[in-house]
Protein backbone atom coordinates (compact mmCIF):
# COMPACT_ATOMS: atom_id res chain seq x y z
CA MET A 1 0.04 0.02 0.13
CA LEU A 2 1.37 3.58 -0.99
CA ALA A 3 1.32 6.08 1.93
CA ALA A 4 -1.06 8.81 1.30
CA GLN A 5 1.50 11.62 0.52
CA HIS A 6 2.81 9.22 -2.20
CA ARG A 7 -0.66 8.79 -3.90
CA MET A 8 -1.44 10.97 -6.91
CA ARG A 9 -5.24 11.71 -7.28
CA SER A 10 -5.71 14.81 -9.44
CA SER A 11 -6.82 14.31 -13.14
CA ALA A 12 -4.73 17.29 -13.82
CA ASP A 13 -1.53 15.85 -12.25
CA PHE A 14 -2.06 12.88 -14.37
CA GLN A 15 -2.12 14.67 -17.59
CA LYS A 16 0.79 16.69 -16.72
CA VAL A 17 3.02 13.70 -15.95
CA ARG A 18 1.76 11.98 -19.20
CA ARG A 19 2.31 14.99 -21.56
CA ASN A 20 5.59 16.27 -19.94
CA GLY A 21 7.12 13.26 -18.35
CA LYS A 22 9.42 10.42 -20.03
CA LYS A 23 7.91 7.48 -21.37
CA ILE A 24 9.05 4.01 -20.18
CA VAL A 25 7.58 0.93 -21.60
CA THR A 26 8.15 -2.38 -19.83
CA ALA A 27 6.42 -5.81 -19.87
CA GLY A 28 2.89 -5.25 -19.16
CA LEU A 29 3.20 -1.63 -18.10
CA ILE A 30 3.96 1.89 -19.48
CA VAL A 31 5.28 4.18 -16.97
CA HIS A 32 5.55 8.03 -17.15
CA VAL A 33 7.86 9.61 -15.08
CA TYR A 34 8.09 13.69 -14.68
CA GLU A 35 11.13 14.79 -12.40
CA GLY A 36 10.89 17.83 -10.67
CA MET A 37 7.06 18.02 -11.00
CA TYR A 38 6.38 18.58 -7.03
CA LEU A 39 9.42 20.49 -5.89
CA GLY A 40 9.71 20.28 -2.38
CA HIS A 41 7.14 17.56 -2.04
CA ALA A 42 7.07 13.72 -1.93
CA THR A 43 7.22 11.58 -5.00
CA GLN A 44 3.66 10.82 -6.26
CA VAL A 45 2.66 7.72 -8.02
CA GLY A 46 -0.77 7.20 -10.05
CA LEU A 47 -2.09 4.16 -11.23
CA THR A 48 -4.24 3.59 -14.49
CA VAL A 49 -5.77 0.30 -15.05
CA GLY A 50 -8.53 0.28 -17.73
CA LYS A 51 -11.36 -1.98 -18.52
CA ASP A 52 -9.19 -3.81 -21.18
CA CYS A 53 -7.38 -5.50 -18.22
CA GLY A 54 -10.43 -7.33 -17.12
CA ASN A 55 -13.36 -7.14 -14.79
CA SER A 56 -13.59 -5.54 -11.57
CA VAL A 57 -11.83 -8.06 -9.46
CA GLN A 58 -9.02 -8.53 -12.10
CA ARG A 59 -8.47 -4.67 -12.29
CA HIS A 60 -8.31 -4.13 -8.53
CA ARG A 61 -6.05 -7.55 -8.01
CA THR A 62 -3.78 -5.72 -10.74
CA SER A 63 -3.90 -2.31 -8.95
CA ARG A 64 -2.67 -3.94 -5.64
CA ARG A 65 -0.02 -5.78 -7.48
CA ILE A 66 1.31 -2.76 -8.87
CA ARG A 67 1.11 -0.81 -5.78
CA ALA A 68 3.03 -3.51 -3.94
CA VAL A 69 5.75 -3.33 -6.81
CA PHE A 70 6.19 0.47 -6.72
CA ASN A 71 6.06 0.77 -2.96
CA PRO A 72 9.83 0.24 -2.37
CA ILE A 73 10.60 2.13 -5.68
CA VAL A 74 9.26 5.27 -4.42
CA SER A 75 11.91 5.85 -1.79
CA GLN A 76 14.57 5.46 -4.61
CA LEU A 77 13.02 8.26 -6.86
CA PRO A 78 14.30 11.93 -6.31
CA PRO A 79 11.75 13.76 -3.94
CA GLY A 80 9.17 15.80 -6.20
CA THR A 81 9.09 13.12 -9.09
CA GLY A 82 5.54 12.39 -10.57
CA VAL A 83 5.07 8.70 -11.79
CA VAL A 84 2.07 7.40 -13.81
CA VAL A 85 1.73 3.77 -14.29
CA LYS A 86 -0.56 2.40 -16.89
CA ALA A 87 -1.51 -1.32 -16.88
CA LEU A 88 -1.54 -3.05 -20.30
CA PRO A 89 -3.84 -5.92 -21.08
CA ASP A 90 -1.39 -8.48 -21.19
CA ILE A 91 -0.46 -7.47 -17.40
CA HIS A 92 -2.02 -10.86 -16.20
CA ALA A 93 0.82 -12.91 -18.01
CA VAL A 94 3.73 -10.95 -16.78
CA ARG A 95 5.25 -11.70 -13.52
CA LEU A 96 5.83 -8.53 -11.68
CA ASP A 97 9.55 -8.52 -9.76
CA SER A 98 9.92 -5.21 -7.98
CA HIS A 99 13.79 -5.62 -8.15
CA LEU A 100 13.67 -6.19 -11.96
CA ILE A 101 11.18 -3.19 -12.50
CA ALA A 102 13.19 -0.89 -10.06
CA GLU A 103 16.50 -1.62 -11.88
CA SER A 104 14.98 -1.20 -15.31
CA LEU A 105 13.01 2.17 -14.41
CA LEU A 106 15.85 3.58 -12.48
CA SER A 107 18.27 2.81 -15.29
CA LYS A 108 16.03 4.27 -17.99
CA ILE A 109 15.62 7.58 -16.11
CA LYS A 110 19.36 7.85 -15.69
CA LEU A 111 19.35 7.91 -11.78
């Protein structure tokens, strides 16, 4: 579970990160990272799991899995970073490993 200060809630924030952030495509996920969005604030993560990912039960399970993966990664990102994670329809066939995703994500955004 992501802490309250790390959750992105505003649709305007989602749009800002998607438009201005760096797009990283991994297996089953598209991750948009916008560094310096929240200067002086905590890193925020937003999730998008659409209906193409399954019924309500499958979408909520996918959201929980993604939150569990990104919980340890949030502390490794610079403060003030905005992250939007979009689940792709093939997410159910992918094994979400937090260490592999963290290494891939951090290397691609050059931290």
